[in-house]
Amino acid sequence: MSDSVDESLLEAEEKMDKAVEVAKEDFSAIRTGRASAAMFNKLTVDYYGAPTPLQQLASFQTPEARTVLIQPFDKSAMAAIEKSLRESDLGVNPSNDGNIIRVILPSLTEDRRRDYIKLARAKGEDAKIAIRNIRRKAKEEIDKLVKDGDIGEDEGTRGEKELESTTKKYVDVVDDLLKGKESELLEV
């Protein structure tokens, strides 16, 4: 295959890989019945007037399945961190003893689990749409190369077949991630 087709396919694969990474991050931020530091990945705190990722302001421990201990590096940020936790969509009510913020996750109700599964499916669909858009763009590039006479029809067809199999591979990865997240959410 010509370099230009290979470049298009490689670029498409790199972008699809990024779409899967975004899906993984989105899935890890959806809370399950078990506590993890990843739940706080997307949270930002108003730290001296600047939105700062919570991960940069504190350390996390999970001593029990539904308890997270958050230890701010700077005690003066404690109130801002608590406020951010309360206002998040995690549905938690943090408490602090002056040193550590304790977050006890309530058990997930059946409705809440269903909501999270819907959210996970929506995030999965977003990732698959992104992957399909990348495929469409790469296919247009290959079609243009054929139309301009830079490559032959056979080579264009081969490139498109390879693009299809790459696309299917990444869509399957997203589906597997989604299945894993759903079973995690259904686990009581």
C-alpha atoms as a PDB file:
ATOM      1  CA  MET A   1       0.000   0.000   0.000  1.00  0.00           C
ATOM      2  CA  SER A   2       1.171   3.530  -0.664  1.00  0.00           C
ATOM      3  CA  ASP A   3       2.513   5.748   2.092  1.00  0.00           C
ATOM      4  CA  SER A   4      -0.453   8.120   1.900  1.00  0.00           C
ATOM      5  CA  VAL A   5      -2.956   5.284   2.528  1.00  0.00           C
ATOM      6  CA  ASP A   6      -0.806   3.974   5.382  1.00  0.00           C
ATOM      7  CA  GLU A   7      -0.631   7.481   6.849  1.00  0.00           C
ATOM      8  CA  SER A   8      -4.422   7.857   6.705  1.00  0.00           C
ATOM      9  CA  LEU A   9      -4.915   4.461   8.354  1.00  0.00           C
ATOM     10  CA  LEU A  10      -2.300   5.137  11.026  1.00  0.00           C
ATOM     11  CA  GLU A  11      -3.752   8.548  11.837  1.00  0.00           C
ATOM     12  CA  ALA A  12      -7.254   7.043  12.029  1.00  0.00           C
ATOM     13  CA  GLU A  13      -6.023   4.302  14.356  1.00  0.00           C
ATOM     14  CA  GLU A  14      -4.281   6.818  16.656  1.00  0.00           C
ATOM     15  CA  LYS A  15      -7.452   8.915  16.868  1.00  0.00           C
ATOM     16  CA  MET A  16      -9.599   5.822  17.526  1.00  0.00           C
ATOM     17  CA  ASP A  17      -7.181   4.869  20.300  1.00  0.00           C
ATOM     18  CA  LYS A  18      -7.685   8.312  21.863  1.00  0.00           C
ATOM     19  CA  ALA A  19     -11.479   7.911  21.624  1.00  0.00           C
ATOM     20  CA  VAL A  20     -11.178   4.625  23.573  1.00  0.00           C
ATOM     21  CA  GLU A  21      -8.997   6.347  26.209  1.00  0.00           C
ATOM     22  CA  VAL A  22     -11.640   9.062  26.641  1.00  0.00           C
ATOM     23  CA  ALA A  23     -14.309   6.359  27.027  1.00  0.00           C
ATOM     24  CA  LYS A  24     -12.189   4.620  29.703  1.00  0.00           C
ATOM     25  CA  GLU A  25     -11.859   7.906  31.608  1.00  0.00           C
ATOM     26  CA  ASP A  26     -15.583   8.582  31.291  1.00  0.00           C
ATOM     27  CA  PHE A  27     -16.426   5.082  32.532  1.00  0.00           C
ATOM     28  CA  SER A  28     -14.046   5.327  35.495  1.00  0.00           C
ATOM     29  CA  ALA A  29     -15.728   8.561  36.604  1.00  0.00           C
ATOM     30  CA  ILE A  30     -19.126   6.820  36.796  1.00  0.00           C
ATOM     31  CA  ARG A  31     -19.434   5.616  40.338  1.00  0.00           C
ATOM     32  CA  THR A  32     -20.174   2.026  41.200  1.00  0.00           C
ATOM     33  CA  GLY A  33     -20.928   0.501  44.586  1.00  0.00           C
ATOM     34  CA  ARG A  34     -17.190   0.311  45.295  1.00  0.00           C
ATOM     35  CA  ALA A  35     -15.085   3.338  46.230  1.00  0.00           C
ATOM     36  CA  SER A  36     -12.092   4.331  44.103  1.00  0.00           C
ATOM     37  CA  ALA A  37      -9.959   7.417  43.598  1.00  0.00           C
ATOM     38  CA  ALA A  38     -10.871   7.354  39.874  1.00  0.00           C
ATOM     39  CA  MET A  39     -14.376   8.541  40.803  1.00  0.00           C
ATOM     40  CA  PHE A  40     -12.865  11.954  41.539  1.00  0.00           C
ATOM     41  CA  ASN A  41     -10.860  12.270  38.287  1.00  0.00           C
ATOM     42  CA  LYS A  42     -13.176  14.831  36.715  1.00  0.00           C
ATOM     43  CA  LEU A  43     -13.738  16.927  39.865  1.00  0.00           C
ATOM     44  CA  THR A  44     -12.239  20.393  40.042  1.00  0.00           C
ATOM     45  CA  VAL A  45     -11.953  22.601  43.095  1.00  0.00           C
ATOM     46  CA  ASP A  46     -11.922  26.396  43.191  1.00  0.00           C
ATOM     47  CA  TYR A  47      -8.412  26.728  44.650  1.00  0.00           C
ATOM     48  CA  TYR A  48      -7.409  30.378  45.112  1.00  0.00           C
ATOM     49  CA  GLY A  49      -9.710  31.390  42.269  1.00  0.00           C
ATOM     50  CA  ALA A  50      -8.423  28.782  39.798  1.00  0.00           C
ATOM     51  CA  PRO A  51     -10.313  25.574  38.924  1.00  0.00           C
ATOM     52  CA  THR A  52      -7.823  22.884  39.982  1.00  0.00           C
ATOM     53  CA  PRO A  53      -8.219  19.089  39.586  1.00  0.00           C
ATOM     54  CA  LEU A  54      -8.948  17.514  42.975  1.00  0.00           C
ATOM     55  CA  GLN A  55      -6.262  14.873  42.249  1.00  0.00           C
ATOM     56  CA  GLN A  56      -3.612  17.634  42.482  1.00  0.00           C
ATOM     57  CA  LEU A  57      -4.843  18.910  45.849  1.00  0.00           C
ATOM     58  CA  ALA A  58      -5.135  15.756  47.937  1.00  0.00           C
ATOM     59  CA  SER A  59      -4.214  12.124  48.432  1.00  0.00           C
ATOM     60  CA  PHE A  60      -6.850   9.378  48.476  1.00  0.00           C
ATOM     61  CA  GLN A  61      -7.223   6.189  50.496  1.00  0.00           C
ATOM     62  CA  THR A  62      -9.983   3.589  50.355  1.00  0.00           C
ATOM     63  CA  PRO A  63      -9.810   1.698  53.653  1.00  0.00           C
ATOM     64  CA  GLU A  64     -13.200   0.026  53.032  1.00  0.00           C
ATOM     65  CA  ALA A  65     -15.300  -0.788  49.990  1.00  0.00           C
ATOM     66  CA  ARG A  66     -17.548   2.265  50.415  1.00  0.00           C
ATOM     67  CA  THR A  67     -15.267   4.736  52.244  1.00  0.00           C
ATOM     68  CA  VAL A  68     -12.799   7.197  50.763  1.00  0.00           C
ATOM     69  CA  LEU A  69     -10.447   9.269  52.866  1.00  0.00           C
ATOM     70  CA  ILE A  70      -9.260  12.447  51.180  1.00  0.00           C
ATOM     71  CA  GLN A  71      -6.274  14.175  52.734  1.00  0.00           C
ATOM     72  CA  PRO A  72      -5.713  17.698  51.377  1.00  0.00           C
ATOM     73  CA  PHE A  73      -2.066  18.702  50.967  1.00  0.00           C
ATOM     74  CA  ASP A  74      -3.103  22.226  51.995  1.00  0.00           C
ATOM     75  CA  LYS A  75      -5.529  22.362  54.948  1.00  0.00           C
ATOM     76  CA  SER A  76      -6.830  25.759  53.793  1.00  0.00           C
ATOM     77  CA  ALA A  77      -8.360  24.042  50.737  1.00  0.00           C
ATOM     78  CA  MET A  78     -10.517  21.738  52.897  1.00  0.00           C
ATOM     79  CA  ALA A  79     -13.717  23.816  52.695  1.00  0.00           C
ATOM     80  CA  ALA A  80     -13.381  24.271  48.916  1.00  0.00           C
ATOM     81  CA  ILE A  81     -12.799  20.527  48.435  1.00  0.00           C
ATOM     82  CA  GLU A  82     -15.846  19.686  50.565  1.00  0.00           C
ATOM     83  CA  LYS A  83     -17.974  22.163  48.612  1.00  0.00           C
ATOM     84  CA  SER A  84     -16.844  20.626  45.308  1.00  0.00           C
ATOM     85  CA  LEU A  85     -17.682  17.107  46.569  1.00  0.00           C
ATOM     86  CA  ARG A  86     -21.146  18.182  47.754  1.00  0.00           C
ATOM     87  CA  GLU A  87     -21.957  19.885  44.445  1.00  0.00           C
ATOM     88  CA  SER A  88     -20.695  16.973  42.312  1.00  0.00           C
ATOM     89  CA  ASP A  89     -23.055  14.389  40.814  1.00  0.00           C
ATOM     90  CA  LEU A  90     -21.567  11.657  43.031  1.00  0.00           C
ATOM     91  CA  GLY A  91     -24.406  12.011  45.549  1.00  0.00           C
ATOM     92  CA  VAL A  92     -22.086  12.111  48.585  1.00  0.00           C
ATOM     93  CA  ASN A  93     -22.095  14.069  51.836  1.00  0.00           C
ATOM     94  CA  PRO A  94     -18.490  14.522  52.986  1.00  0.00           C
ATOM     95  CA  SER A  95     -17.480  15.166  56.598  1.00  0.00           C
ATOM     96  CA  ASN A  96     -14.127  16.283  57.997  1.00  0.00           C
ATOM     97  CA  ASP A  97     -12.261  16.064  61.277  1.00  0.00           C
ATOM     98  CA  GLY A  98      -9.954  18.995  60.533  1.00  0.00           C
ATOM     99  CA  ASN A  99      -7.323  16.811  58.841  1.00  0.00           C
ATOM    100  CA  ILE A 100      -9.106  14.345  56.611  1.00  0.00           C
ATOM    101  CA  ILE A 101     -12.311  14.502  54.586  1.00  0.00           C
ATOM    102  CA  ARG A 102     -14.268  11.275  54.911  1.00  0.00           C
ATOM    103  CA  VAL A 103     -16.633  10.317  52.104  1.00  0.00           C
ATOM    104  CA  ILE A 104     -18.965   7.406  52.734  1.00  0.00           C
ATOM    105  CA  LEU A 105     -20.681   6.293  49.578  1.00  0.00           C
ATOM    106  CA  PRO A 106     -24.341   5.440  50.003  1.00  0.00           C
ATOM    107  CA  SER A 107     -25.382   2.084  48.567  1.00  0.00           C
ATOM    108  CA  LEU A 108     -26.682   2.455  45.079  1.00  0.00           C
ATOM    109  CA  THR A 109     -30.435   2.172  44.736  1.00  0.00           C
ATOM    110  CA  GLU A 110     -31.851   0.210  41.818  1.00  0.00           C
ATOM    111  CA  ASP A 111     -32.909   3.506  40.146  1.00  0.00           C
ATOM    112  CA  ARG A 112     -29.477   5.036  40.621  1.00  0.00           C
ATOM    113  CA  ARG A 113     -27.843   1.927  39.091  1.00  0.00           C
ATOM    114  CA  ARG A 114     -30.158   2.190  36.076  1.00  0.00           C
ATOM    115  CA  ASP A 115     -29.314   5.893  35.713  1.00  0.00           C
ATOM    116  CA  TYR A 116     -25.594   5.106  35.807  1.00  0.00           C
ATOM    117  CA  ILE A 117     -26.027   2.321  33.244  1.00  0.00           C
ATOM    118  CA  LYS A 118     -27.865   4.783  30.970  1.00  0.00           C
ATOM    119  CA  LEU A 119     -25.038   7.268  31.470  1.00  0.00           C
ATOM    120  CA  ALA A 120     -22.425   4.593  30.692  1.00  0.00           C
ATOM    121  CA  ARG A 121     -24.316   3.579  27.532  1.00  0.00           C
ATOM    122  CA  ALA A 122     -24.485   7.224  26.423  1.00  0.00           C
ATOM    123  CA  LYS A 123     -20.723   7.642  26.993  1.00  0.00           C
ATOM    124  CA  GLY A 124     -20.105   4.393  25.081  1.00  0.00           C
ATOM    125  CA  GLU A 125     -22.281   5.604  22.201  1.00  0.00           C
ATOM    126  CA  ASP A 126     -20.378   8.927  22.148  1.00  0.00           C
ATOM    127  CA  ALA A 127     -17.104   7.003  21.816  1.00  0.00           C
ATOM    128  CA  LYS A 128     -18.492   4.829  19.005  1.00  0.00           C
ATOM    129  CA  ILE A 129     -19.793   7.913  17.159  1.00  0.00           C
ATOM    130  CA  ALA A 130     -16.333   9.489  17.464  1.00  0.00           C
ATOM    131  CA  ILE A 131     -14.750   6.299  16.077  1.00  0.00           C
ATOM    132  CA  ARG A 132     -17.206   6.216  13.152  1.00  0.00           C
ATOM    133  CA  ASN A 133     -16.526   9.897  12.381  1.00  0.00           C
ATOM    134  CA  ILE A 134     -12.798   9.126  12.285  1.00  0.00           C
ATOM    135  CA  ARG A 135     -13.510   6.213   9.922  1.00  0.00           C
ATOM    136  CA  ARG A 136     -15.596   8.458   7.655  1.00  0.00           C
ATOM    137  CA  LYS A 137     -12.833  11.078   7.454  1.00  0.00           C
ATOM    138  CA  ALA A 138     -10.162   8.453   6.671  1.00  0.00           C
ATOM    139  CA  LYS A 139     -12.428   6.879   4.013  1.00  0.00           C
ATOM    140  CA  GLU A 140     -12.893  10.296   2.404  1.00  0.00           C
ATOM    141  CA  GLU A 141      -9.104  10.719   2.310  1.00  0.00           C
ATOM    142  CA  ILE A 142      -8.666   7.305   0.650  1.00  0.00           C
ATOM    143  CA  ASP A 143     -11.494   8.032  -1.846  1.00  0.00           C
ATOM    144  CA  LYS A 144      -9.827  11.347  -2.732  1.00  0.00           C
ATOM    145  CA  LEU A 145      -6.489   9.582  -3.351  1.00  0.00           C
ATOM    146  CA  VAL A 146      -8.248   7.155  -5.740  1.00  0.00           C
ATOM    147  CA  LYS A 147     -10.171   9.978  -7.468  1.00  0.00           C
ATOM    148  CA  ASP A 148      -7.018  12.076  -7.928  1.00  0.00           C
ATOM    149  CA  GLY A 149      -5.241   9.053  -9.403  1.00  0.00           C
ATOM    150  CA  ASP A 150      -2.599   8.956  -6.640  1.00  0.00           C
ATOM    151  CA  ILE A 151      -3.455   5.300  -5.940  1.00  0.00           C
ATOM    152  CA  GLY A 152      -5.264   2.570  -7.843  1.00  0.00           C
ATOM    153  CA  GLU A 153      -8.807   1.294  -7.157  1.00  0.00           C
ATOM    154  CA  ASP A 154      -7.475  -2.004  -5.747  1.00  0.00           C
ATOM    155  CA  GLU A 155      -5.250  -0.211  -3.299  1.00  0.00           C
ATOM    156  CA  GLY A 156      -8.138   2.052  -2.272  1.00  0.00           C
ATOM    157  CA  THR A 157     -10.363  -0.994  -1.697  1.00  0.00           C
ATOM    158  CA  ARG A 158      -7.637  -2.705   0.337  1.00  0.00           C
ATOM    159  CA  GLY A 159      -7.192   0.450   2.420  1.00  0.00           C
ATOM    160  CA  GLU A 160     -10.932   0.676   3.063  1.00  0.00           C
ATOM    161  CA  LYS A 161     -11.087  -2.993   4.122  1.00  0.00           C
ATOM    162  CA  GLU A 162      -8.259  -2.410   6.570  1.00  0.00           C
ATOM    163  CA  LEU A 163     -10.021   0.729   7.834  1.00  0.00           C
ATOM    164  CA  GLU A 164     -13.218  -1.277   8.379  1.00  0.00           C
ATOM    165  CA  SER A 165     -11.444  -3.974  10.392  1.00  0.00           C
ATOM    166  CA  THR A 166      -9.665  -1.320  12.503  1.00  0.00           C
ATOM    167  CA  THR A 167     -12.980   0.433  13.117  1.00  0.00           C
ATOM    168  CA  LYS A 168     -14.657  -2.826  14.141  1.00  0.00           C
ATOM    169  CA  LYS A 169     -11.771  -3.610  16.502  1.00  0.00           C
ATOM    170  CA  TYR A 170     -12.158  -0.270  18.317  1.00  0.00           C
ATOM    171  CA  VAL A 171     -15.958  -0.405  18.438  1.00  0.00           C
ATOM    172  CA  ASP A 172     -15.629  -3.896  19.979  1.00  0.00           C
ATOM    173  CA  VAL A 173     -13.195  -2.543  22.592  1.00  0.00           C
ATOM    174  CA  VAL A 174     -15.744   0.143  23.582  1.00  0.00           C
ATOM    175  CA  ASP A 175     -18.504  -2.503  23.750  1.00  0.00           C
ATOM    176  CA  ASP A 176     -16.330  -4.690  26.004  1.00  0.00           C
ATOM    177  CA  LEU A 177     -15.536  -1.729  28.283  1.00  0.00           C
ATOM    178  CA  LEU A 178     -19.247  -0.935  28.463  1.00  0.00           C
ATOM    179  CA  LYS A 179     -20.152  -4.552  29.309  1.00  0.00           C
ATOM    180  CA  GLY A 180     -17.559  -4.500  32.088  1.00  0.00           C
ATOM    181  CA  LYS A 181     -18.934  -1.241  33.493  1.00  0.00           C
ATOM    182  CA  GLU A 182     -22.526  -2.513  33.325  1.00  0.00           C
ATOM    183  CA  SER A 183     -21.686  -5.714  35.206  1.00  0.00           C
ATOM    184  CA  GLU A 184     -19.773  -3.626  37.769  1.00  0.00           C
ATOM    185  CA  LEU A 185     -22.857  -1.454  38.243  1.00  0.00           C
ATOM    186  CA  LEU A 186     -25.177  -4.445  38.589  1.00  0.00           C
ATOM    187  CA  GLU A 187     -22.940  -6.073  41.206  1.00  0.00           C
ATOM    188  CA  VAL A 188     -24.581  -5.574  44.586  1.00  0.00           C
END
